[in-house]
Amino acid sequence: MAAPEQVLVVSGARQALYLCARALLDPGDKIWCEDPGYAAARAAFRLAGAHVVAVCVGEDGIDVDAGQRAAPDARAACVTPSHQFPTGVVMPLARRLQLLEWAARQGAWILEDDYDSEFCYDGRPLPALQGIDDDRSVVYIGTLNKITYRGLRLGYLVPPRPVLGAFAAAAAALSLTPSLVVQAAAADFIAEGQLAQHITRAPLPTRNGGSF
């Protein structure tokens, strides 16, 4: 759950990931990234000065044991647990808990890119990492660009309360406020229930559709 003041509006997942790197990481800090994974995320982290460590993805998502062997001192991990890009695998609960345990033990951050969780491919969706995080180590990232269209350029992120100030300061310094007109139109679209109706009618995207 998140309070309204925790939600920061951005132009999409790419901008959200860059903001995470600027707010949470120092130059040279290591971050796990899924391999194969979202190339734009790696580019955003490198632009912010972070050291990207590729961690293999298996049938349960990112291999936490492999990550600990490759970079036990990593300060963060970027994952797509609901629908891994580009393999499409869904991270099971046991692996989610293992990842959260690592973050709590290491004092690291998890950047949860939940770019198309509104589309459920098989059975009931698992809870987001952010929803089962007791140590407030998860930054939740979502976007409307995938479920509507790329040109909308509207997304959001939910930082834990202890670092909300750092995120707000970084966002203000970088002038990361999308068009207020687009925000107002999207708010009306959601409030009137039209987004929910659109999701129920929309065809499922391809399993390697990617995030935006």
N, C-alpha and C. Protein backbone atom coordinates (compact mmCIF):
# COMPACT_ATOMS: atom_id res chain seq x y z
N MET A 1 0.84 -1.19 0.00
CA MET A 1 0.00 0.00 0.00
C MET A 1 0.88 1.25 0.00
N ALA A 2 0.34 2.32 -0.55
CA ALA A 2 1.09 3.56 -0.62
C ALA A 2 0.15 4.73 -0.38
N ALA A 3 0.65 5.75 0.32
CA ALA A 3 -0.11 6.98 0.52
C ALA A 3 0.06 7.87 -0.70
N PRO A 4 -0.90 8.76 -0.96
CA PRO A 4 -0.81 9.63 -2.14
C PRO A 4 0.50 10.41 -2.22
N GLU A 5 1.01 10.86 -1.06
CA GLU A 5 2.23 11.67 -1.10
C GLU A 5 3.47 10.86 -1.46
N GLN A 6 3.36 9.53 -1.47
CA GLN A 6 4.50 8.70 -1.86
C GLN A 6 4.62 8.51 -3.36
N VAL A 7 3.60 8.84 -4.11
CA VAL A 7 3.58 8.58 -5.54
C VAL A 7 4.18 9.76 -6.30
N LEU A 8 5.24 9.48 -7.05
CA LEU A 8 5.87 10.49 -7.89
C LEU A 8 5.55 10.17 -9.34
N VAL A 9 5.08 11.16 -10.08
CA VAL A 9 4.70 10.97 -11.47
C VAL A 9 5.90 11.29 -12.37
N VAL A 10 6.17 10.37 -13.31
CA VAL A 10 7.28 10.52 -14.25
C VAL A 10 6.77 10.19 -15.65
N SER A 11 7.68 10.18 -16.63
CA SER A 11 7.25 9.94 -18.01
C SER A 11 7.22 8.47 -18.39
N GLY A 12 7.74 7.60 -17.52
CA GLY A 12 7.75 6.18 -17.84
C GLY A 12 8.80 5.45 -17.04
N ALA A 13 8.96 4.15 -17.30
CA ALA A 13 9.87 3.33 -16.53
C ALA A 13 11.32 3.77 -16.68
N ARG A 14 11.72 4.17 -17.87
CA ARG A 14 13.11 4.57 -18.08
C ARG A 14 13.48 5.76 -17.19
N GLN A 15 12.62 6.76 -17.18
CA GLN A 15 12.88 7.93 -16.36
C GLN A 15 12.85 7.56 -14.87
N ALA A 16 11.94 6.68 -14.50
CA ALA A 16 11.85 6.25 -13.10
C ALA A 16 13.13 5.55 -12.66
N LEU A 17 13.68 4.69 -13.50
CA LEU A 17 14.90 3.97 -13.16
C LEU A 17 16.08 4.92 -13.04
N TYR A 18 16.17 5.89 -13.92
CA TYR A 18 17.24 6.88 -13.83
C TYR A 18 17.12 7.68 -12.53
N LEU A 19 15.90 8.04 -12.18
CA LEU A 19 15.68 8.78 -10.94
C LEU A 19 16.09 7.94 -9.73
N CYS A 20 15.78 6.64 -9.77
CA CYS A 20 16.19 5.74 -8.68
C CYS A 20 17.71 5.74 -8.51
N ALA A 21 18.41 5.65 -9.63
CA ALA A 21 19.87 5.63 -9.57
C ALA A 21 20.42 6.93 -8.99
N ARG A 22 19.85 8.05 -9.38
CA ARG A 22 20.32 9.34 -8.88
C ARG A 22 20.00 9.53 -7.41
N ALA A 23 18.86 9.02 -6.96
CA ALA A 23 18.44 9.23 -5.58
C ALA A 23 19.07 8.24 -4.59
N LEU A 24 19.38 7.03 -5.06
CA LEU A 24 19.77 5.96 -4.13
C LEU A 24 21.23 5.52 -4.25
N LEU A 25 21.85 5.73 -5.40
CA LEU A 25 23.18 5.19 -5.64
C LEU A 25 24.22 6.28 -5.78
N ASP A 26 25.43 5.96 -5.34
CA ASP A 26 26.58 6.82 -5.57
C ASP A 26 27.34 6.31 -6.78
N PRO A 27 28.09 7.18 -7.46
CA PRO A 27 28.89 6.71 -8.59
C PRO A 27 29.79 5.54 -8.20
N GLY A 28 29.77 4.50 -9.00
CA GLY A 28 30.56 3.32 -8.71
C GLY A 28 29.83 2.23 -7.96
N ASP A 29 28.68 2.55 -7.37
CA ASP A 29 27.90 1.52 -6.67
C ASP A 29 27.45 0.44 -7.66
N LYS A 30 27.43 -0.80 -7.19
CA LYS A 30 27.03 -1.91 -8.05
C LYS A 30 25.53 -2.16 -7.96
N ILE A 31 24.94 -2.51 -9.11
CA ILE A 31 23.52 -2.85 -9.15
C ILE A 31 23.34 -4.10 -10.00
N TRP A 32 22.59 -5.06 -9.47
CA TRP A 32 22.26 -6.26 -10.25
C TRP A 32 21.24 -5.89 -11.32
N CYS A 33 21.45 -6.38 -12.53
CA CYS A 33 20.47 -6.25 -13.59
C CYS A 33 20.26 -7.61 -14.24
N GLU A 34 19.02 -7.91 -14.57
CA GLU A 34 18.68 -9.20 -15.15
C GLU A 34 19.38 -9.41 -16.50
N ASP A 35 19.84 -10.65 -16.71
CA ASP A 35 20.51 -11.02 -17.96
C ASP A 35 19.92 -12.33 -18.48
N PRO A 36 19.12 -12.30 -19.58
CA PRO A 36 18.84 -11.11 -20.41
C PRO A 36 17.89 -10.17 -19.69
N GLY A 37 17.91 -8.93 -20.11
CA GLY A 37 17.07 -7.95 -19.44
C GLY A 37 16.88 -6.70 -20.27
N TYR A 38 16.38 -5.68 -19.62
CA TYR A 38 15.97 -4.43 -20.26
C TYR A 38 17.20 -3.54 -20.48
N ALA A 39 17.63 -3.40 -21.73
CA ALA A 39 18.85 -2.66 -22.05
C ALA A 39 18.75 -1.19 -21.64
N ALA A 40 17.58 -0.59 -21.76
CA ALA A 40 17.41 0.82 -21.41
C ALA A 40 17.64 1.05 -19.91
N ALA A 41 17.32 0.06 -19.09
CA ALA A 41 17.58 0.18 -17.66
C ALA A 41 19.07 0.25 -17.39
N ARG A 42 19.82 -0.64 -18.03
CA ARG A 42 21.28 -0.63 -17.85
C ARG A 42 21.86 0.71 -18.29
N ALA A 43 21.36 1.24 -19.41
CA ALA A 43 21.84 2.52 -19.89
C ALA A 43 21.57 3.64 -18.89
N ALA A 44 20.39 3.61 -18.27
CA ALA A 44 20.04 4.64 -17.29
C ALA A 44 20.96 4.57 -16.07
N PHE A 45 21.26 3.36 -15.62
CA PHE A 45 22.13 3.22 -14.44
C PHE A 45 23.56 3.66 -14.76
N ARG A 46 24.04 3.28 -15.94
CA ARG A 46 25.39 3.69 -16.33
C ARG A 46 25.48 5.20 -16.47
N LEU A 47 24.43 5.82 -17.00
CA LEU A 47 24.41 7.27 -17.14
C LEU A 47 24.53 7.95 -15.79
N ALA A 48 23.98 7.32 -14.76
CA ALA A 48 24.04 7.86 -13.40
C ALA A 48 25.34 7.50 -12.68
N GLY A 49 26.22 6.74 -13.36
CA GLY A 49 27.51 6.41 -12.77
C GLY A 49 27.57 5.10 -12.02
N ALA A 50 26.48 4.30 -12.07
CA ALA A 50 26.47 3.02 -11.36
C ALA A 50 27.21 1.96 -12.16
N HIS A 51 27.67 0.93 -11.47
CA HIS A 51 28.34 -0.21 -12.10
C HIS A 51 27.33 -1.34 -12.25
N VAL A 52 26.98 -1.67 -13.47
CA VAL A 52 25.97 -2.69 -13.74
C VAL A 52 26.60 -4.08 -13.69
N VAL A 53 25.97 -4.98 -12.93
CA VAL A 53 26.40 -6.37 -12.83
C VAL A 53 25.30 -7.25 -13.41
N ALA A 54 25.60 -7.94 -14.51
CA ALA A 54 24.62 -8.81 -15.15
C ALA A 54 24.45 -10.08 -14.33
N VAL A 55 23.20 -10.42 -14.00
CA VAL A 55 22.88 -11.62 -13.22
C VAL A 55 21.91 -12.46 -14.03
N CYS A 56 22.22 -13.73 -14.19
CA CYS A 56 21.44 -14.59 -15.07
C CYS A 56 20.00 -14.77 -14.58
N VAL A 57 19.11 -14.96 -15.53
CA VAL A 57 17.70 -15.21 -15.27
C VAL A 57 17.38 -16.65 -15.62
N GLY A 58 16.73 -17.36 -14.69
CA GLY A 58 16.29 -18.73 -14.94
C GLY A 58 14.78 -18.81 -14.97
N GLU A 59 14.26 -20.01 -14.79
CA GLU A 59 12.81 -20.19 -14.87
C GLU A 59 12.08 -19.57 -13.70
N ASP A 60 12.80 -19.17 -12.64
CA ASP A 60 12.19 -18.50 -11.49
C ASP A 60 12.57 -17.03 -11.41
N GLY A 61 13.13 -16.50 -12.49
CA GLY A 61 13.53 -15.11 -12.47
C GLY A 61 15.00 -14.95 -12.14
N ILE A 62 15.38 -13.79 -11.66
CA ILE A 62 16.79 -13.50 -11.38
C ILE A 62 17.34 -14.49 -10.36
N ASP A 63 18.56 -14.96 -10.60
CA ASP A 63 19.21 -15.96 -9.73
C ASP A 63 19.91 -15.21 -8.59
N VAL A 64 19.28 -15.20 -7.43
CA VAL A 64 19.81 -14.44 -6.30
C VAL A 64 21.16 -15.00 -5.85
N ASP A 65 21.32 -16.32 -5.85
CA ASP A 65 22.59 -16.92 -5.45
C ASP A 65 23.70 -16.49 -6.41
N ALA A 66 23.42 -16.47 -7.70
CA ALA A 66 24.41 -16.04 -8.68
C ALA A 66 24.76 -14.57 -8.48
N GLY A 67 23.77 -13.75 -8.15
CA GLY A 67 24.04 -12.35 -7.88
C GLY A 67 24.95 -12.15 -6.69
N GLN A 68 24.73 -12.93 -5.64
CA GLN A 68 25.57 -12.82 -4.46
C GLN A 68 27.00 -13.26 -4.73
N ARG A 69 27.16 -14.23 -5.62
CA ARG A 69 28.52 -14.65 -5.98
C ARG A 69 29.21 -13.59 -6.83
N ALA A 70 28.45 -12.98 -7.75
CA ALA A 70 29.05 -12.01 -8.67
C ALA A 70 29.33 -10.67 -8.00
N ALA A 71 28.42 -10.22 -7.14
CA ALA A 71 28.57 -8.90 -6.51
C ALA A 71 27.87 -8.91 -5.15
N PRO A 72 28.50 -9.51 -4.14
CA PRO A 72 27.86 -9.58 -2.82
C PRO A 72 27.65 -8.22 -2.17
N ASP A 73 28.40 -7.21 -2.64
CA ASP A 73 28.31 -5.86 -2.07
C ASP A 73 27.42 -4.94 -2.90
N ALA A 74 26.59 -5.50 -3.77
CA ALA A 74 25.72 -4.66 -4.60
C ALA A 74 24.79 -3.82 -3.72
N ARG A 75 24.51 -2.61 -4.18
CA ARG A 75 23.66 -1.70 -3.41
C ARG A 75 22.21 -1.77 -3.86
N ALA A 76 21.94 -2.44 -4.99
CA ALA A 76 20.57 -2.49 -5.49
C ALA A 76 20.43 -3.63 -6.50
N ALA A 77 19.17 -3.97 -6.78
CA ALA A 77 18.84 -4.94 -7.82
C ALA A 77 17.63 -4.43 -8.57
N CYS A 78 17.68 -4.51 -9.89
CA CYS A 78 16.55 -4.10 -10.72
C CYS A 78 15.91 -5.34 -11.32
N VAL A 79 14.63 -5.55 -11.05
CA VAL A 79 13.96 -6.78 -11.47
C VAL A 79 12.58 -6.49 -12.07
N THR A 80 12.12 -7.43 -12.88
CA THR A 80 10.76 -7.37 -13.45
C THR A 80 10.05 -8.67 -13.04
N PRO A 81 9.63 -8.79 -11.80
CA PRO A 81 9.14 -10.07 -11.27
C PRO A 81 7.80 -10.53 -11.82
N SER A 82 6.92 -9.61 -12.17
CA SER A 82 5.58 -10.01 -12.60
C SER A 82 5.57 -10.58 -14.01
N HIS A 83 6.52 -10.15 -14.82
CA HIS A 83 6.58 -10.58 -16.23
C HIS A 83 7.96 -10.20 -16.73
N GLN A 84 8.92 -11.08 -16.51
CA GLN A 84 10.31 -10.76 -16.78
C GLN A 84 10.51 -10.40 -18.25
N PHE A 85 11.26 -9.33 -18.47
CA PHE A 85 11.57 -8.92 -19.83
C PHE A 85 13.00 -9.34 -20.16
N PRO A 86 13.23 -10.14 -21.23
CA PRO A 86 12.29 -10.49 -22.30
C PRO A 86 11.75 -11.92 -22.24
N THR A 87 12.09 -12.70 -21.20
CA THR A 87 11.75 -14.13 -21.21
C THR A 87 10.28 -14.39 -20.90
N GLY A 88 9.63 -13.49 -20.16
CA GLY A 88 8.23 -13.67 -19.81
C GLY A 88 7.99 -14.50 -18.56
N VAL A 89 9.05 -14.97 -17.87
CA VAL A 89 8.84 -15.81 -16.69
C VAL A 89 8.31 -14.97 -15.54
N VAL A 90 7.55 -15.61 -14.66
CA VAL A 90 7.00 -14.97 -13.47
C VAL A 90 7.76 -15.45 -12.25
N MET A 91 8.25 -14.54 -11.44
CA MET A 91 9.03 -14.89 -10.26
C MET A 91 8.11 -15.46 -9.19
N PRO A 92 8.34 -16.72 -8.76
CA PRO A 92 7.48 -17.32 -7.73
C PRO A 92 7.71 -16.69 -6.36
N LEU A 93 6.79 -16.96 -5.46
CA LEU A 93 6.86 -16.34 -4.14
C LEU A 93 8.15 -16.66 -3.41
N ALA A 94 8.62 -17.90 -3.50
CA ALA A 94 9.84 -18.29 -2.79
C ALA A 94 11.03 -17.44 -3.24
N ARG A 95 11.15 -17.21 -4.55
CA ARG A 95 12.26 -16.39 -5.06
C ARG A 95 12.09 -14.93 -4.66
N ARG A 96 10.85 -14.46 -4.62
CA ARG A 96 10.60 -13.08 -4.17
C ARG A 96 11.04 -12.89 -2.72
N LEU A 97 10.71 -13.85 -1.89
CA LEU A 97 11.11 -13.77 -0.49
C LEU A 97 12.63 -13.85 -0.34
N GLN A 98 13.27 -14.68 -1.15
CA GLN A 98 14.73 -14.78 -1.11
C GLN A 98 15.38 -13.45 -1.49
N LEU A 99 14.82 -12.81 -2.50
CA LEU A 99 15.36 -11.52 -2.93
C LEU A 99 15.16 -10.46 -1.85
N LEU A 100 14.00 -10.46 -1.22
CA LEU A 100 13.75 -9.51 -0.13
C LEU A 100 14.66 -9.76 1.06
N GLU A 101 14.91 -11.02 1.37
CA GLU A 101 15.82 -11.36 2.47
C GLU A 101 17.23 -10.86 2.19
N TRP A 102 17.67 -11.03 0.93
CA TRP A 102 18.99 -10.52 0.56
C TRP A 102 19.06 -9.01 0.76
N ALA A 103 18.05 -8.30 0.28
CA ALA A 103 18.05 -6.84 0.39
C ALA A 103 18.07 -6.39 1.84
N ALA A 104 17.30 -7.06 2.69
CA ALA A 104 17.26 -6.69 4.11
C ALA A 104 18.61 -6.95 4.77
N ARG A 105 19.22 -8.07 4.44
CA ARG A 105 20.51 -8.44 5.04
C ARG A 105 21.62 -7.52 4.55
N GLN A 106 21.58 -7.16 3.28
CA GLN A 106 22.64 -6.36 2.67
C GLN A 106 22.42 -4.86 2.86
N GLY A 107 21.19 -4.47 3.22
CA GLY A 107 20.86 -3.05 3.27
C GLY A 107 20.79 -2.47 1.87
N ALA A 108 20.30 -3.29 0.93
CA ALA A 108 20.25 -2.90 -0.48
C ALA A 108 18.83 -2.53 -0.88
N TRP A 109 18.71 -1.97 -2.08
CA TRP A 109 17.43 -1.56 -2.63
C TRP A 109 16.99 -2.51 -3.73
N ILE A 110 15.69 -2.71 -3.86
CA ILE A 110 15.12 -3.45 -4.97
C ILE A 110 14.27 -2.49 -5.80
N LEU A 111 14.57 -2.40 -7.06
CA LEU A 111 13.79 -1.57 -7.98
C LEU A 111 12.87 -2.51 -8.75
N GLU A 112 11.59 -2.46 -8.43
CA GLU A 112 10.60 -3.37 -8.99
C GLU A 112 9.90 -2.71 -10.17
N ASP A 113 10.31 -3.10 -11.38
CA ASP A 113 9.72 -2.56 -12.60
C ASP A 113 8.50 -3.43 -12.95
N ASP A 114 7.33 -2.94 -12.59
CA ASP A 114 6.08 -3.71 -12.77
C ASP A 114 5.34 -3.16 -13.98
N TYR A 115 6.01 -3.16 -15.12
CA TYR A 115 5.60 -2.38 -16.27
C TYR A 115 4.29 -2.81 -16.92
N ASP A 116 3.86 -4.07 -16.76
CA ASP A 116 2.57 -4.46 -17.35
C ASP A 116 1.82 -5.46 -16.47
N SER A 117 1.88 -5.25 -15.16
CA SER A 117 1.26 -6.19 -14.23
C SER A 117 -0.25 -6.24 -14.36
N GLU A 118 -0.84 -5.24 -15.01
CA GLU A 118 -2.30 -5.25 -15.19
C GLU A 118 -2.75 -6.42 -16.06
N PHE A 119 -1.84 -6.92 -16.89
CA PHE A 119 -2.15 -8.07 -17.73
C PHE A 119 -1.68 -9.34 -17.03
N CYS A 120 -2.61 -10.22 -16.69
CA CYS A 120 -2.29 -11.46 -16.00
C CYS A 120 -2.36 -12.61 -17.01
N TYR A 121 -1.27 -13.33 -17.16
CA TYR A 121 -1.18 -14.36 -18.20
C TYR A 121 -1.67 -15.72 -17.72
N ASP A 122 -1.36 -16.08 -16.48
CA ASP A 122 -1.70 -17.42 -15.99
C ASP A 122 -2.16 -17.33 -14.53
N GLY A 123 -3.44 -17.66 -14.28
CA GLY A 123 -3.93 -17.72 -12.91
C GLY A 123 -3.97 -16.37 -12.22
N ARG A 124 -4.00 -16.41 -10.90
CA ARG A 124 -4.05 -15.19 -10.10
C ARG A 124 -2.66 -14.59 -9.98
N PRO A 125 -2.55 -13.25 -10.05
CA PRO A 125 -1.22 -12.64 -9.94
C PRO A 125 -0.66 -12.75 -8.53
N LEU A 126 0.66 -12.89 -8.43
CA LEU A 126 1.32 -12.91 -7.13
C LEU A 126 1.43 -11.49 -6.59
N PRO A 127 1.55 -11.32 -5.27
CA PRO A 127 1.69 -9.98 -4.72
C PRO A 127 2.98 -9.33 -5.18
N ALA A 128 2.94 -8.03 -5.37
CA ALA A 128 4.15 -7.29 -5.73
C ALA A 128 5.16 -7.37 -4.60
N LEU A 129 6.42 -7.26 -4.95
CA LEU A 129 7.47 -7.23 -3.93
C LEU A 129 7.22 -6.11 -2.93
N GLN A 130 6.79 -4.96 -3.45
CA GLN A 130 6.54 -3.81 -2.59
C GLN A 130 5.46 -4.10 -1.56
N GLY A 131 4.49 -4.95 -1.93
CA GLY A 131 3.39 -5.26 -1.03
C GLY A 131 3.75 -6.22 0.09
N ILE A 132 4.84 -6.97 -0.07
CA ILE A 132 5.24 -7.93 0.97
C ILE A 132 6.58 -7.56 1.59
N ASP A 133 7.00 -6.35 1.38
CA ASP A 133 8.30 -5.87 1.88
C ASP A 133 8.14 -5.28 3.27
N ASP A 134 8.69 -5.97 4.27
CA ASP A 134 8.61 -5.48 5.65
C ASP A 134 9.72 -4.51 6.01
N ASP A 135 10.78 -4.50 5.20
CA ASP A 135 11.94 -3.68 5.53
C ASP A 135 12.02 -2.40 4.72
N ARG A 136 10.99 -2.12 3.93
CA ARG A 136 10.89 -0.89 3.15
C ARG A 136 12.13 -0.68 2.27
N SER A 137 12.47 -1.74 1.54
CA SER A 137 13.63 -1.69 0.66
C SER A 137 13.26 -1.68 -0.81
N VAL A 138 11.95 -1.67 -1.13
CA VAL A 138 11.49 -1.78 -2.51
C VAL A 138 10.98 -0.43 -3.02
N VAL A 139 11.44 -0.06 -4.21
CA VAL A 139 10.88 1.08 -4.94
C VAL A 139 10.02 0.49 -6.05
N TYR A 140 8.74 0.79 -6.02
CA TYR A 140 7.79 0.22 -7.00
C TYR A 140 7.65 1.17 -8.18
N ILE A 141 7.74 0.62 -9.39
CA ILE A 141 7.67 1.42 -10.61
C ILE A 141 6.57 0.89 -11.51
N GLY A 142 5.71 1.77 -11.97
CA GLY A 142 4.65 1.39 -12.90
C GLY A 142 4.56 2.39 -14.04
N THR A 143 3.85 2.02 -15.09
CA THR A 143 3.71 2.90 -16.24
C THR A 143 2.37 2.68 -16.92
N LEU A 144 1.81 3.75 -17.45
CA LEU A 144 0.60 3.65 -18.26
C LEU A 144 0.93 3.51 -19.74
N ASN A 145 2.20 3.64 -20.09
CA ASN A 145 2.59 3.60 -21.49
C ASN A 145 2.38 2.23 -22.12
N LYS A 146 2.49 1.18 -21.31
CA LYS A 146 2.33 -0.17 -21.85
C LYS A 146 0.86 -0.52 -22.05
N ILE A 147 0.01 -0.14 -21.10
CA ILE A 147 -1.39 -0.55 -21.18
C ILE A 147 -2.24 0.42 -22.00
N THR A 148 -1.67 1.56 -22.38
CA THR A 148 -2.39 2.49 -23.26
C THR A 148 -1.64 2.58 -24.59
N TYR A 149 -0.68 3.52 -24.69
CA TYR A 149 0.17 3.59 -25.87
C TYR A 149 1.44 4.37 -25.53
N ARG A 150 2.49 4.12 -26.30
CA ARG A 150 3.81 4.64 -25.96
C ARG A 150 3.85 6.16 -25.90
N GLY A 151 3.09 6.82 -26.76
CA GLY A 151 3.15 8.26 -26.83
C GLY A 151 2.58 8.98 -25.62
N LEU A 152 1.91 8.27 -24.72
CA LEU A 152 1.34 8.93 -23.55
C LEU A 152 2.43 9.48 -22.65
N ARG A 153 3.53 8.72 -22.49
CA ARG A 153 4.67 9.12 -21.66
C ARG A 153 4.24 9.50 -20.24
N LEU A 154 3.68 8.53 -19.54
CA LEU A 154 3.22 8.76 -18.19
C LEU A 154 3.43 7.50 -17.35
N GLY A 155 4.15 7.65 -16.26
CA GLY A 155 4.39 6.54 -15.35
C GLY A 155 4.47 7.06 -13.93
N TYR A 156 4.86 6.20 -13.02
CA TYR A 156 4.93 6.60 -11.61
C TYR A 156 5.89 5.68 -10.86
N LEU A 157 6.34 6.15 -9.72
CA LEU A 157 7.11 5.31 -8.82
C LEU A 157 6.73 5.60 -7.39
N VAL A 158 6.91 4.60 -6.54
CA VAL A 158 6.53 4.71 -5.13
C VAL A 158 7.75 4.37 -4.28
N PRO A 159 8.49 5.38 -3.82
CA PRO A 159 9.64 5.12 -2.96
C PRO A 159 9.20 4.86 -1.52
N PRO A 160 9.99 4.13 -0.74
CA PRO A 160 9.71 4.01 0.69
C PRO A 160 9.78 5.39 1.36
N ARG A 161 9.02 5.56 2.41
CA ARG A 161 8.95 6.86 3.07
C ARG A 161 10.31 7.42 3.49
N PRO A 162 11.24 6.58 4.04
CA PRO A 162 12.51 7.16 4.49
C PRO A 162 13.32 7.85 3.40
N VAL A 163 13.11 7.51 2.14
CA VAL A 163 13.90 8.13 1.07
C VAL A 163 13.03 8.99 0.16
N LEU A 164 11.80 9.27 0.56
CA LEU A 164 10.91 10.06 -0.26
C LEU A 164 11.47 11.46 -0.51
N GLY A 165 12.09 12.03 0.51
CA GLY A 165 12.67 13.37 0.36
C GLY A 165 13.78 13.39 -0.67
N ALA A 166 14.62 12.35 -0.68
CA ALA A 166 15.71 12.27 -1.65
C ALA A 166 15.17 12.17 -3.06
N PHE A 167 14.10 11.41 -3.24
CA PHE A 167 13.49 11.29 -4.56
C PHE A 167 12.87 12.60 -5.00
N ALA A 168 12.16 13.25 -4.11
CA ALA A 168 11.51 14.52 -4.46
C ALA A 168 12.56 15.57 -4.84
N ALA A 169 13.67 15.61 -4.11
CA ALA A 169 14.73 16.58 -4.41
C ALA A 169 15.36 16.28 -5.76
N ALA A 170 15.63 15.00 -6.04
CA ALA A 170 16.23 14.64 -7.33
C ALA A 170 15.28 14.93 -8.47
N ALA A 171 13.99 14.64 -8.30
CA ALA A 171 13.01 14.91 -9.35
C ALA A 171 12.90 16.40 -9.63
N ALA A 172 12.93 17.21 -8.57
CA ALA A 172 12.84 18.66 -8.75
C ALA A 172 14.08 19.20 -9.47
N ALA A 173 15.25 18.68 -9.10
CA ALA A 173 16.49 19.15 -9.72
C ALA A 173 16.56 18.79 -11.19
N LEU A 174 15.98 17.65 -11.54
CA LEU A 174 16.03 17.17 -12.92
C LEU A 174 14.82 17.60 -13.74
N SER A 175 13.88 18.32 -13.10
CA SER A 175 12.66 18.80 -13.79
C SER A 175 11.92 17.65 -14.47
N LEU A 176 11.56 16.64 -13.69
CA LEU A 176 10.96 15.43 -14.25
C LEU A 176 9.43 15.42 -14.12
N THR A 177 8.79 16.55 -14.38
CA THR A 177 7.34 16.61 -14.27
C THR A 177 6.70 16.50 -15.65
N PRO A 178 5.97 15.42 -15.92
CA PRO A 178 5.27 15.32 -17.22
C PRO A 178 4.20 16.40 -17.35
N SER A 179 3.67 16.53 -18.54
CA SER A 179 2.65 17.54 -18.82
C SER A 179 1.49 17.43 -17.84
N LEU A 180 1.12 18.57 -17.24
CA LEU A 180 0.00 18.59 -16.31
C LEU A 180 -1.32 18.31 -17.03
N VAL A 181 -1.41 18.69 -18.28
CA VAL A 181 -2.61 18.41 -19.06
C VAL A 181 -2.79 16.90 -19.24
N VAL A 182 -1.69 16.22 -19.57
CA VAL A 182 -1.75 14.76 -19.73
C VAL A 182 -2.08 14.09 -18.40
N GLN A 183 -1.50 14.58 -17.32
CA GLN A 183 -1.79 14.02 -16.00
C GLN A 183 -3.27 14.17 -15.65
N ALA A 184 -3.82 15.36 -15.91
CA ALA A 184 -5.23 15.60 -15.59
C ALA A 184 -6.15 14.71 -16.42
N ALA A 185 -5.82 14.55 -17.70
CA ALA A 185 -6.64 13.71 -18.57
C ALA A 185 -6.57 12.24 -18.12
N ALA A 186 -5.37 11.78 -17.75
CA ALA A 186 -5.21 10.41 -17.27
C ALA A 186 -5.96 10.19 -15.96
N ALA A 187 -5.93 11.20 -15.08
CA ALA A 187 -6.64 11.09 -13.81
C ALA A 187 -8.14 10.94 -14.03
N ASP A 188 -8.69 11.70 -14.95
CA ASP A 188 -10.11 11.58 -15.27
C ASP A 188 -10.42 10.21 -15.88
N PHE A 189 -9.56 9.77 -16.75
CA PHE A 189 -9.73 8.47 -17.42
C PHE A 189 -9.80 7.34 -16.39
N ILE A 190 -8.94 7.43 -15.36
CA ILE A 190 -8.92 6.42 -14.30
C ILE A 190 -10.14 6.56 -13.40
N ALA A 191 -10.42 7.79 -12.96
CA ALA A 191 -11.52 8.03 -12.01
C ALA A 191 -12.87 7.63 -12.58
N GLU A 192 -13.04 7.78 -13.88
CA GLU A 192 -14.32 7.43 -14.52
C GLU A 192 -14.45 5.94 -14.81
N GLY A 193 -13.41 5.18 -14.47
CA GLY A 193 -13.47 3.73 -14.67
C GLY A 193 -13.13 3.27 -16.07
N GLN A 194 -12.73 4.21 -16.91
CA GLN A 194 -12.47 3.85 -18.31
C GLN A 194 -11.19 3.04 -18.46
N LEU A 195 -10.20 3.29 -17.61
CA LEU A 195 -8.96 2.51 -17.70
C LEU A 195 -9.24 1.05 -17.36
N ALA A 196 -10.02 0.80 -16.32
CA ALA A 196 -10.35 -0.57 -15.93
C ALA A 196 -11.09 -1.29 -17.06
N GLN A 197 -12.02 -0.58 -17.71
CA GLN A 197 -12.74 -1.18 -18.83
C GLN A 197 -11.80 -1.46 -20.00
N HIS A 198 -10.89 -0.55 -20.24
CA HIS A 198 -9.93 -0.74 -21.33
C HIS A 198 -9.07 -1.98 -21.11
N ILE A 199 -8.61 -2.18 -19.88
CA ILE A 199 -7.75 -3.33 -19.58
C ILE A 199 -8.48 -4.64 -19.81
N THR A 200 -9.77 -4.69 -19.43
CA THR A 200 -10.52 -5.94 -19.61
C THR A 200 -10.76 -6.27 -21.08
N ARG A 201 -10.77 -5.24 -21.93
CA ARG A 201 -11.04 -5.46 -23.35
C ARG A 201 -9.78 -5.57 -24.20
N ALA A 202 -8.68 -5.05 -23.70
CA ALA A 202 -7.46 -4.98 -24.51
C ALA A 202 -6.86 -6.37 -24.71
N PRO A 203 -6.33 -6.66 -25.90
CA PRO A 203 -5.64 -7.92 -26.13
C PRO A 203 -4.34 -7.95 -25.35
N LEU A 204 -3.95 -9.15 -24.90
CA LEU A 204 -2.69 -9.27 -24.18
C LEU A 204 -1.54 -8.90 -25.10
N PRO A 205 -0.56 -8.13 -24.58
CA PRO A 205 0.61 -7.81 -25.40
C PRO A 205 1.47 -9.05 -25.58
N THR A 206 2.41 -9.00 -26.51
CA THR A 206 3.32 -10.11 -26.69
C THR A 206 4.15 -10.30 -25.44
N ARG A 207 4.58 -11.53 -25.20
CA ARG A 207 5.28 -11.84 -23.96
C ARG A 207 6.65 -11.19 -23.90
N ASN A 208 7.17 -10.69 -24.99
CA ASN A 208 8.43 -9.97 -24.96
C ASN A 208 8.24 -8.52 -25.33
N GLY A 209 7.12 -7.98 -24.88
CA GLY A 209 6.77 -6.61 -25.28
C GLY A 209 7.66 -5.52 -24.72
N GLY A 210 8.29 -5.75 -23.58
CA GLY A 210 9.21 -4.76 -23.04
C GLY A 210 8.51 -3.68 -22.24
N SER A 211 9.31 -2.88 -21.56
CA SER A 211 8.78 -1.76 -20.77
C SER A 211 9.19 -0.47 -21.44
N PHE A 212 8.55 0.62 -20.99
CA PHE A 212 8.76 1.88 -21.67
C PHE A 212 9.00 2.99 -20.65
